[in-house]
């Protein structure tokens, strides 16, 4: 098995395991947008939310440092594209009542029809966005 495939399989296993553990131990869906929103807005302290988010960032840092995984190359795109993209992703997670981790990993795993529809919608939107950015607007990604 080549290294890239092995790393993808291991990453998927880590994501799936963390989703199952969070659901089993805390009865919570591992939807990152909801976890982040709750960590930033809820009055009471929810240490688990901050630990989960720290684990997300820490896992990437650990993989980069310990496994010598290179950082992605920066793209030569205007900052405005990142701002607009971030706003659109934020709006999509609010309108879709969840994000890729909540719907795509947990919801589909729980056989939720709403999550299947949401996942099809955001994957289709992503494919269309990449096509437009590369071939219509000439982003050259």
Protein backbone atom coordinates (compact mmCIF):
# COMPACT_ATOMS: atom_id res chain seq x y z
CA UNK A 1 0.00 0.00 0.00
CA UNK A 2 1.49 3.36 -0.96
CA UNK A 3 2.06 6.06 1.67
CA UNK A 4 -0.68 8.44 0.52
CA UNK A 5 -3.32 5.72 0.55
CA UNK A 6 -2.14 4.49 3.96
CA UNK A 7 -2.33 8.03 5.38
CA UNK A 8 -5.85 8.51 3.98
CA UNK A 9 -7.01 5.22 5.50
CA UNK A 10 -5.47 6.08 8.87
CA UNK A 11 -7.01 9.57 8.79
CA UNK A 12 -10.42 8.11 8.02
CA UNK A 13 -10.08 5.61 10.85
CA UNK A 14 -9.13 8.40 13.27
CA UNK A 15 -12.10 10.54 12.22
CA UNK A 16 -14.52 7.62 12.43
CA UNK A 17 -13.16 6.48 15.78
CA UNK A 18 -13.41 9.97 17.28
CA UNK A 19 -17.02 10.28 16.05
CA UNK A 20 -17.97 6.91 17.56
CA UNK A 21 -16.21 7.67 20.87
CA UNK A 22 -17.88 11.08 21.19
CA UNK A 23 -21.31 9.62 20.42
CA UNK A 24 -20.77 6.65 22.76
CA UNK A 25 -19.32 8.54 25.72
CA UNK A 26 -21.06 11.90 25.50
CA UNK A 27 -24.10 11.20 23.33
CA UNK A 28 -22.99 14.02 20.99
CA UNK A 29 -22.59 14.20 17.23
CA UNK A 30 -19.08 15.15 16.12
CA UNK A 31 -20.20 18.10 14.00
CA UNK A 32 -17.26 20.47 14.10
CA UNK A 33 -19.24 23.63 13.25
CA UNK A 34 -21.68 22.93 16.09
CA UNK A 35 -18.87 22.09 18.50
CA UNK A 36 -17.04 25.32 17.62
CA UNK A 37 -20.23 27.40 17.85
CA UNK A 38 -21.05 25.91 21.24
CA UNK A 39 -17.52 26.49 22.51
CA UNK A 40 -17.67 30.16 21.51
CA UNK A 41 -21.23 31.01 22.54
CA UNK A 42 -22.42 28.88 25.44
CA UNK A 43 -22.27 30.45 28.89
CA UNK A 44 -21.36 27.30 30.79
CA UNK A 45 -17.96 25.72 30.34
CA UNK A 46 -17.89 22.68 28.11
CA UNK A 47 -14.31 21.51 28.37
CA UNK A 48 -14.97 18.62 26.02
CA UNK A 49 -15.64 21.04 23.15
CA UNK A 50 -12.30 22.79 23.61
CA UNK A 51 -10.48 19.48 23.99
CA UNK A 52 -12.09 18.17 20.80
CA UNK A 53 -11.03 21.30 18.88
CA UNK A 54 -7.54 21.14 20.38
CA UNK A 55 -7.32 17.52 19.27
CA UNK A 56 -8.22 18.51 15.71
CA UNK A 57 -5.47 21.10 15.54
CA UNK A 58 -3.05 18.99 17.55
CA UNK A 59 -3.54 15.99 15.29
CA UNK A 60 -2.52 18.01 12.25
CA UNK A 61 0.51 19.45 14.02
CA UNK A 62 1.51 15.99 15.30
CA UNK A 63 1.16 14.44 11.83
CA UNK A 64 3.24 17.21 10.28
CA UNK A 65 5.91 17.05 12.96
CA UNK A 66 6.18 13.35 13.81
CA UNK A 67 5.40 11.80 10.42
CA UNK A 68 7.14 14.46 8.30
CA UNK A 69 3.96 15.21 6.35
CA UNK A 70 4.52 18.38 4.32
CA UNK A 71 2.28 21.39 4.68
CA UNK A 72 0.10 22.14 1.65
CA UNK A 73 1.54 24.66 -0.78
CA UNK A 74 -0.02 28.09 -0.52
CA UNK A 75 -2.23 29.03 -3.46
CA UNK A 76 -1.74 32.25 -5.33
CA UNK A 77 -5.29 33.51 -4.83
CA UNK A 78 -6.64 36.84 -3.61
CA UNK A 79 -7.51 37.04 0.09
CA UNK A 80 -11.01 38.12 -0.94
CA UNK A 81 -11.61 34.61 -2.33
CA UNK A 82 -10.81 33.10 1.07
CA UNK A 83 -13.09 35.60 2.83
CA UNK A 84 -16.00 34.97 0.45
CA UNK A 85 -15.39 31.21 0.60
CA UNK A 86 -15.36 31.25 4.40
CA UNK A 87 -18.60 33.23 4.52
CA UNK A 88 -20.29 30.88 2.07
CA UNK A 89 -19.17 27.83 4.07
CA UNK A 90 -20.50 29.45 7.25
CA UNK A 91 -23.84 30.22 5.62
CA UNK A 92 -24.03 26.71 4.22
CA UNK A 93 -23.47 25.12 7.61
CA UNK A 94 -26.20 27.27 9.15
CA UNK A 95 -28.70 26.66 6.32
CA UNK A 96 -27.87 22.96 6.17
CA UNK A 97 -28.04 22.65 9.97
CA UNK A 98 -24.59 21.09 10.11
CA UNK A 99 -21.28 20.59 8.41
CA UNK A 100 -19.42 17.83 6.58
CA UNK A 101 -18.43 16.08 9.78
CA UNK A 102 -21.89 16.22 11.32
CA UNK A 103 -23.80 15.20 8.20
CA UNK A 104 -21.19 13.40 6.10
CA UNK A 105 -19.54 11.33 8.82
CA UNK A 106 -22.05 11.01 11.65
CA UNK A 107 -25.42 11.54 9.94
CA UNK A 108 -24.80 9.15 7.09
CA UNK A 109 -23.39 6.63 9.59
CA UNK A 110 -26.70 6.89 11.47
CA UNK A 111 -28.62 6.48 8.17
CA UNK A 112 -30.27 9.92 8.46
CA UNK A 113 -31.98 10.88 5.16
CA UNK A 114 -31.51 14.60 5.89
CA UNK A 115 -27.76 14.03 6.23
CA UNK A 116 -27.62 12.11 2.96
CA UNK A 117 -29.39 15.00 1.19
CA UNK A 118 -27.10 17.56 2.84
CA UNK A 119 -23.97 15.58 1.90
CA UNK A 120 -25.07 15.24 -1.73
CA UNK A 121 -25.80 18.98 -1.80
CA UNK A 122 -22.48 20.16 -0.37
CA UNK A 123 -20.40 17.68 -2.37
CA UNK A 124 -22.18 18.77 -5.55
CA UNK A 125 -21.69 22.42 -4.63
CA UNK A 126 -18.01 21.80 -4.02
CA UNK A 127 -17.56 20.08 -7.37
CA UNK A 128 -19.33 22.93 -9.17
CA UNK A 129 -17.29 25.54 -7.26
CA UNK A 130 -13.97 23.90 -8.19
CA UNK A 131 -15.04 23.64 -11.82
CA UNK A 132 -16.07 27.31 -11.96
CA UNK A 133 -12.94 28.47 -10.11
CA UNK A 134 -10.59 26.49 -12.36
CA UNK A 135 -12.25 26.59 -15.75
CA UNK A 136 -14.55 29.62 -15.81
CA UNK A 137 -12.70 32.13 -13.62
CA UNK A 138 -9.27 30.75 -14.49
CA UNK A 139 -8.11 30.27 -10.92
CA UNK A 140 -5.65 27.60 -12.05
CA UNK A 141 -5.90 25.63 -8.82
